[in-house]
Amino acid sequence: MKVAARLTDILDRETSSHLSVASFVDHYLRLLEFPADIVQALAKEGINLFEAEQLARITAERLGVTTSQAKRTRAELLSSHLQTKASGERLRQRVNELLRALTTQARESTNGEVAAELEALEDFDPYDSTHLFWEQLKQLGFAFREIRRADVTDEEIEELLKASEPILAMLNRIQRRKDGAAQKLKI
């Protein structure tokens, strides 16, 4: 308890009470486990902590490659991210896509049942016309179902993500409004 109290005092003093002990432990202590290239990028390349956390997820173990190959992959993603001046969220999406693609490749090479698994996970019913924007959802659903990572370039992914951001922002606003209305009804 003395350590927590002392740490709270230090954080309050050094951050003008803007950083809690929980946030410090959750985010900043993880820096000790980050690869050296990510710590260096955080210090010198102008990326923020969130972006560093995303890049640190790309490890040799997760990729199934050597440490130098993982470092090269992180460097390529970082370079692309800095050149495009993309958002941290876009970087997170790219890292997720990379890790998801590798997971899919691993599954395909081990059991060949990826298509069946994906179909089982899909809850998109193209014949349910009760959805708002049913025609657009159907068109998008069929298009995305046929596209694989190898079919698109990084630039096309960036363009798709950029185009989807306003739509996702609008959907988030609608959801927040709905949540606010639900909260008012509870009161």
C-alpha atoms as a PDB file:
ATOM      1  CA  MET A   1       0.000   0.000   0.000  1.00  0.00           C
ATOM      2  CA  LYS A   2       2.876   2.363   0.686  1.00  0.00           C
ATOM      3  CA  VAL A   3       4.179   1.823  -2.843  1.00  0.00           C
ATOM      4  CA  ALA A   4       0.784   2.611  -4.369  1.00  0.00           C
ATOM      5  CA  ALA A   5       0.426   5.732  -2.243  1.00  0.00           C
ATOM      6  CA  ARG A   6       3.929   6.890  -3.158  1.00  0.00           C
ATOM      7  CA  LEU A   7       3.326   6.175  -6.841  1.00  0.00           C
ATOM      8  CA  THR A   8       0.056   8.104  -6.678  1.00  0.00           C
ATOM      9  CA  ASP A   9       1.883  11.083  -5.173  1.00  0.00           C
ATOM     10  CA  ILE A  10       4.549  10.988  -7.888  1.00  0.00           C
ATOM     11  CA  LEU A  11       2.014  10.654 -10.699  1.00  0.00           C
ATOM     12  CA  ASP A  12      -0.121  13.455  -9.286  1.00  0.00           C
ATOM     13  CA  ARG A  13       2.895  15.725  -9.043  1.00  0.00           C
ATOM     14  CA  GLU A  14       4.446  14.860 -12.411  1.00  0.00           C
ATOM     15  CA  THR A  15       1.263  14.681 -14.488  1.00  0.00           C
ATOM     16  CA  SER A  16      -0.873  17.257 -12.680  1.00  0.00           C
ATOM     17  CA  SER A  17      -3.197  14.420 -11.630  1.00  0.00           C
ATOM     18  CA  HIS A  18      -3.874  13.449 -15.261  1.00  0.00           C
ATOM     19  CA  LEU A  19      -2.570   9.895 -14.975  1.00  0.00           C
ATOM     20  CA  SER A  20      -3.906   7.349 -12.522  1.00  0.00           C
ATOM     21  CA  VAL A  21      -1.947   4.474 -11.065  1.00  0.00           C
ATOM     22  CA  ALA A  22      -4.165   2.039 -12.970  1.00  0.00           C
ATOM     23  CA  SER A  23      -3.447   3.763 -16.291  1.00  0.00           C
ATOM     24  CA  PHE A  24       0.242   3.910 -15.513  1.00  0.00           C
ATOM     25  CA  VAL A  25       0.379   0.208 -14.719  1.00  0.00           C
ATOM     26  CA  ASP A  26      -1.845  -0.748 -17.652  1.00  0.00           C
ATOM     27  CA  HIS A  27      -0.034   1.294 -20.291  1.00  0.00           C
ATOM     28  CA  TYR A  28       3.378   2.509 -19.247  1.00  0.00           C
ATOM     29  CA  LEU A  29       4.722  -0.544 -17.447  1.00  0.00           C
ATOM     30  CA  ARG A  30       4.132  -2.522 -20.638  1.00  0.00           C
ATOM     31  CA  LEU A  31       6.853  -0.430 -22.244  1.00  0.00           C
ATOM     32  CA  LEU A  32       9.364  -2.590 -20.404  1.00  0.00           C
ATOM     33  CA  GLU A  33       8.252  -5.569 -22.506  1.00  0.00           C
ATOM     34  CA  PHE A  34       8.138  -3.740 -25.853  1.00  0.00           C
ATOM     35  CA  PRO A  35      10.740  -4.601 -28.484  1.00  0.00           C
ATOM     36  CA  ALA A  36      13.634  -2.128 -28.502  1.00  0.00           C
ATOM     37  CA  ASP A  37      12.749  -0.830 -31.979  1.00  0.00           C
ATOM     38  CA  ILE A  38       9.278   0.140 -30.777  1.00  0.00           C
ATOM     39  CA  VAL A  39      10.614   1.932 -27.702  1.00  0.00           C
ATOM     40  CA  GLN A  40      13.019   3.802 -29.975  1.00  0.00           C
ATOM     41  CA  ALA A  41      10.205   4.704 -32.379  1.00  0.00           C
ATOM     42  CA  LEU A  42       8.123   5.957 -29.474  1.00  0.00           C
ATOM     43  CA  ALA A  43      10.982   8.152 -28.341  1.00  0.00           C
ATOM     44  CA  LYS A  44      12.163   9.423 -31.736  1.00  0.00           C
ATOM     45  CA  GLU A  45       9.666   8.780 -34.530  1.00  0.00           C
ATOM     46  CA  GLY A  46       6.753  10.748 -33.161  1.00  0.00           C
ATOM     47  CA  ILE A  47       4.336   7.882 -32.595  1.00  0.00           C
ATOM     48  CA  ASN A  48       2.157   7.840 -29.525  1.00  0.00           C
ATOM     49  CA  LEU A  49       1.757   5.180 -26.868  1.00  0.00           C
ATOM     50  CA  PHE A  50      -1.337   3.656 -28.488  1.00  0.00           C
ATOM     51  CA  GLU A  51       0.485   3.268 -31.800  1.00  0.00           C
ATOM     52  CA  ALA A  52       3.495   1.767 -30.028  1.00  0.00           C
ATOM     53  CA  GLU A  53       1.205  -0.723 -28.274  1.00  0.00           C
ATOM     54  CA  GLN A  54      -0.231  -1.772 -31.623  1.00  0.00           C
ATOM     55  CA  LEU A  55       3.172  -2.260 -33.233  1.00  0.00           C
ATOM     56  CA  ALA A  56       4.424  -4.167 -30.183  1.00  0.00           C
ATOM     57  CA  ARG A  57       1.741  -6.787 -30.837  1.00  0.00           C
ATOM     58  CA  ILE A  58       3.720  -7.855 -33.908  1.00  0.00           C
ATOM     59  CA  THR A  59       6.121 -10.345 -32.397  1.00  0.00           C
ATOM     60  CA  ALA A  60       8.169 -13.191 -33.812  1.00  0.00           C
ATOM     61  CA  GLU A  61       6.057 -15.645 -31.834  1.00  0.00           C
ATOM     62  CA  ARG A  62       2.754 -14.333 -33.154  1.00  0.00           C
ATOM     63  CA  LEU A  63       4.027 -14.167 -36.718  1.00  0.00           C
ATOM     64  CA  GLY A  64       5.825 -17.494 -36.562  1.00  0.00           C
ATOM     65  CA  VAL A  65       9.001 -15.927 -37.945  1.00  0.00           C
ATOM     66  CA  THR A  66      12.440 -14.925 -36.718  1.00  0.00           C
ATOM     67  CA  THR A  67      12.978 -11.900 -34.508  1.00  0.00           C
ATOM     68  CA  SER A  68      14.639  -9.998 -37.350  1.00  0.00           C
ATOM     69  CA  GLN A  69      11.720 -10.729 -39.686  1.00  0.00           C
ATOM     70  CA  ALA A  70       9.251  -9.485 -37.077  1.00  0.00           C
ATOM     71  CA  LYS A  71      11.351  -6.356 -36.617  1.00  0.00           C
ATOM     72  CA  ARG A  72      11.348  -5.807 -40.385  1.00  0.00           C
ATOM     73  CA  THR A  73       7.560  -6.223 -40.505  1.00  0.00           C
ATOM     74  CA  ARG A  74       7.144  -3.682 -37.698  1.00  0.00           C
ATOM     75  CA  ALA A  75       9.502  -1.282 -39.483  1.00  0.00           C
ATOM     76  CA  GLU A  76       7.536  -1.580 -42.734  1.00  0.00           C
ATOM     77  CA  LEU A  77       4.241  -0.947 -40.972  1.00  0.00           C
ATOM     78  CA  LEU A  78       5.714   1.977 -39.042  1.00  0.00           C
ATOM     79  CA  SER A  79       7.162   3.519 -42.189  1.00  0.00           C
ATOM     80  CA  SER A  80       3.877   3.175 -44.048  1.00  0.00           C
ATOM     81  CA  HIS A  81       1.981   4.557 -41.065  1.00  0.00           C
ATOM     82  CA  LEU A  82       4.215   7.607 -40.793  1.00  0.00           C
ATOM     83  CA  GLN A  83       4.186   8.268 -44.543  1.00  0.00           C
ATOM     84  CA  THR A  84       0.411   8.145 -44.795  1.00  0.00           C
ATOM     85  CA  LYS A  85      -0.053  10.056 -41.536  1.00  0.00           C
ATOM     86  CA  ALA A  86      -2.783   7.584 -40.696  1.00  0.00           C
ATOM     87  CA  SER A  87      -4.680   7.500 -37.428  1.00  0.00           C
ATOM     88  CA  GLY A  88      -3.818   5.193 -34.564  1.00  0.00           C
ATOM     89  CA  GLU A  89      -7.092   3.391 -35.185  1.00  0.00           C
ATOM     90  CA  ARG A  90      -6.090   2.713 -38.775  1.00  0.00           C
ATOM     91  CA  LEU A  91      -2.773   1.288 -37.564  1.00  0.00           C
ATOM     92  CA  ARG A  92      -4.667  -0.939 -35.126  1.00  0.00           C
ATOM     93  CA  GLN A  93      -6.838  -2.173 -37.980  1.00  0.00           C
ATOM     94  CA  ARG A  94      -3.796  -2.917 -40.135  1.00  0.00           C
ATOM     95  CA  VAL A  95      -2.126  -4.861 -37.320  1.00  0.00           C
ATOM     96  CA  ASN A  96      -5.348  -6.781 -36.725  1.00  0.00           C
ATOM     97  CA  GLU A  97      -5.588  -7.549 -40.437  1.00  0.00           C
ATOM     98  CA  LEU A  98      -2.001  -8.781 -40.521  1.00  0.00           C
ATOM     99  CA  LEU A  99      -2.460 -10.999 -37.486  1.00  0.00           C
ATOM    100  CA  ARG A 100      -5.832 -12.262 -38.726  1.00  0.00           C
ATOM    101  CA  ALA A 101      -4.362 -13.117 -42.137  1.00  0.00           C
ATOM    102  CA  LEU A 102      -1.558 -15.067 -40.517  1.00  0.00           C
ATOM    103  CA  THR A 103      -3.998 -16.920 -38.286  1.00  0.00           C
ATOM    104  CA  THR A 104      -6.079 -17.806 -41.331  1.00  0.00           C
ATOM    105  CA  GLN A 105      -3.018 -19.003 -43.228  1.00  0.00           C
ATOM    106  CA  ALA A 106      -1.992 -21.156 -40.285  1.00  0.00           C
ATOM    107  CA  ARG A 107      -5.455 -22.702 -40.116  1.00  0.00           C
ATOM    108  CA  GLU A 108      -5.511 -23.345 -43.851  1.00  0.00           C
ATOM    109  CA  SER A 109      -2.175 -25.080 -43.718  1.00  0.00           C
ATOM    110  CA  THR A 110      -3.121 -27.236 -40.738  1.00  0.00           C
ATOM    111  CA  ASN A 111      -6.665 -28.360 -41.384  1.00  0.00           C
ATOM    112  CA  GLY A 112      -8.057 -26.958 -44.632  1.00  0.00           C
ATOM    113  CA  GLU A 113     -11.433 -26.238 -43.029  1.00  0.00           C
ATOM    114  CA  VAL A 114     -11.237 -22.439 -42.993  1.00  0.00           C
ATOM    115  CA  ALA A 115     -14.061 -21.947 -45.463  1.00  0.00           C
ATOM    116  CA  ALA A 116     -16.432 -24.045 -43.375  1.00  0.00           C
ATOM    117  CA  GLU A 117     -15.410 -22.227 -40.190  1.00  0.00           C
ATOM    118  CA  LEU A 118     -15.942 -18.829 -41.780  1.00  0.00           C
ATOM    119  CA  GLU A 119     -19.356 -19.804 -43.075  1.00  0.00           C
ATOM    120  CA  ALA A 120     -20.348 -21.005 -39.615  1.00  0.00           C
ATOM    121  CA  LEU A 121     -19.310 -17.661 -38.126  1.00  0.00           C
ATOM    122  CA  GLU A 122     -21.240 -15.558 -40.606  1.00  0.00           C
ATOM    123  CA  ASP A 123     -24.519 -14.176 -39.407  1.00  0.00           C
ATOM    124  CA  PHE A 124     -25.213 -12.154 -42.525  1.00  0.00           C
ATOM    125  CA  ASP A 125     -28.481 -13.210 -44.116  1.00  0.00           C
ATOM    126  CA  PRO A 126     -28.646 -11.702 -47.609  1.00  0.00           C
ATOM    127  CA  TYR A 127     -32.345 -12.517 -47.856  1.00  0.00           C
ATOM    128  CA  ASP A 128     -33.472 -10.691 -44.698  1.00  0.00           C
ATOM    129  CA  SER A 129     -34.923  -7.530 -46.206  1.00  0.00           C
ATOM    130  CA  THR A 130     -35.887  -6.062 -42.819  1.00  0.00           C
ATOM    131  CA  HIS A 131     -32.453  -4.482 -42.378  1.00  0.00           C
ATOM    132  CA  LEU A 132     -32.046  -0.800 -42.996  1.00  0.00           C
ATOM    133  CA  PHE A 133     -29.954  -0.404 -46.171  1.00  0.00           C
ATOM    134  CA  TRP A 134     -30.656  -4.028 -47.088  1.00  0.00           C
ATOM    135  CA  GLU A 135     -29.521  -3.709 -50.706  1.00  0.00           C
ATOM    136  CA  GLN A 136     -26.254  -2.034 -49.719  1.00  0.00           C
ATOM    137  CA  LEU A 137     -25.584  -4.582 -46.978  1.00  0.00           C
ATOM    138  CA  LYS A 138     -26.212  -7.424 -49.396  1.00  0.00           C
ATOM    139  CA  GLN A 139     -23.888  -5.942 -51.990  1.00  0.00           C
ATOM    140  CA  LEU A 140     -21.142  -5.287 -49.432  1.00  0.00           C
ATOM    141  CA  GLY A 141     -21.558  -8.680 -47.807  1.00  0.00           C
ATOM    142  CA  PHE A 142     -21.163 -10.565 -51.056  1.00  0.00           C
ATOM    143  CA  ALA A 143     -18.230  -8.393 -52.141  1.00  0.00           C
ATOM    144  CA  PHE A 144     -16.321  -8.795 -48.868  1.00  0.00           C
ATOM    145  CA  ARG A 145     -17.029 -12.510 -48.765  1.00  0.00           C
ATOM    146  CA  GLU A 146     -15.101 -12.966 -52.016  1.00  0.00           C
ATOM    147  CA  ILE A 147     -12.103 -10.747 -51.191  1.00  0.00           C
ATOM    148  CA  ARG A 148      -9.002 -12.248 -49.587  1.00  0.00           C
ATOM    149  CA  ARG A 149      -5.993 -10.363 -48.226  1.00  0.00           C
ATOM    150  CA  ALA A 150      -3.878 -11.371 -51.209  1.00  0.00           C
ATOM    151  CA  ASP A 151      -6.430  -9.771 -53.564  1.00  0.00           C
ATOM    152  CA  VAL A 152      -5.944  -6.209 -52.331  1.00  0.00           C
ATOM    153  CA  THR A 153      -3.006  -3.857 -52.100  1.00  0.00           C
ATOM    154  CA  ASP A 154      -2.073  -1.861 -49.017  1.00  0.00           C
ATOM    155  CA  GLU A 155      -3.229   1.283 -50.816  1.00  0.00           C
ATOM    156  CA  GLU A 156      -6.642  -0.246 -51.475  1.00  0.00           C
ATOM    157  CA  ILE A 157      -6.953  -1.270 -47.838  1.00  0.00           C
ATOM    158  CA  GLU A 158      -6.066   2.265 -46.783  1.00  0.00           C
ATOM    159  CA  GLU A 159      -8.649   3.655 -49.199  1.00  0.00           C
ATOM    160  CA  LEU A 160     -11.338   1.288 -47.907  1.00  0.00           C
ATOM    161  CA  LEU A 161     -10.531   2.152 -44.304  1.00  0.00           C
ATOM    162  CA  LYS A 162     -10.563   5.865 -45.077  1.00  0.00           C
ATOM    163  CA  ALA A 163     -13.920   5.529 -46.820  1.00  0.00           C
ATOM    164  CA  SER A 164     -15.385   3.549 -43.922  1.00  0.00           C
ATOM    165  CA  GLU A 165     -14.353   6.006 -41.185  1.00  0.00           C
ATOM    166  CA  PRO A 166     -17.212   8.504 -41.766  1.00  0.00           C
ATOM    167  CA  ILE A 167     -19.756   5.681 -41.853  1.00  0.00           C
ATOM    168  CA  LEU A 168     -18.414   4.146 -38.651  1.00  0.00           C
ATOM    169  CA  ALA A 169     -18.351   7.560 -36.980  1.00  0.00           C
ATOM    170  CA  MET A 170     -21.992   8.109 -37.915  1.00  0.00           C
ATOM    171  CA  LEU A 171     -22.969   4.653 -36.641  1.00  0.00           C
ATOM    172  CA  ASN A 172     -21.145   5.356 -33.363  1.00  0.00           C
ATOM    173  CA  ARG A 173     -23.027   8.651 -32.964  1.00  0.00           C
ATOM    174  CA  ILE A 174     -26.334   6.883 -33.565  1.00  0.00           C
ATOM    175  CA  GLN A 175     -25.434   4.162 -31.058  1.00  0.00           C
ATOM    176  CA  ARG A 176     -24.391   6.727 -28.432  1.00  0.00           C
ATOM    177  CA  ARG A 177     -27.673   8.577 -28.940  1.00  0.00           C
ATOM    178  CA  LYS A 178     -29.598   5.314 -28.552  1.00  0.00           C
ATOM    179  CA  ASP A 179     -27.618   4.438 -25.418  1.00  0.00           C
ATOM    180  CA  GLY A 180     -28.304   7.900 -23.994  1.00  0.00           C
ATOM    181  CA  ALA A 181     -32.017   7.533 -24.658  1.00  0.00           C
ATOM    182  CA  ALA A 182     -32.008   4.098 -23.008  1.00  0.00           C
ATOM    183  CA  GLN A 183     -30.255   5.558 -19.956  1.00  0.00           C
ATOM    184  CA  LYS A 184     -32.881   8.300 -19.677  1.00  0.00           C
ATOM    185  CA  LEU A 185     -35.636   5.695 -19.753  1.00  0.00           C
ATOM    186  CA  LYS A 186     -33.986   3.824 -16.872  1.00  0.00           C
ATOM    187  CA  ILE A 187     -33.961   6.967 -14.743  1.00  0.00           C
END
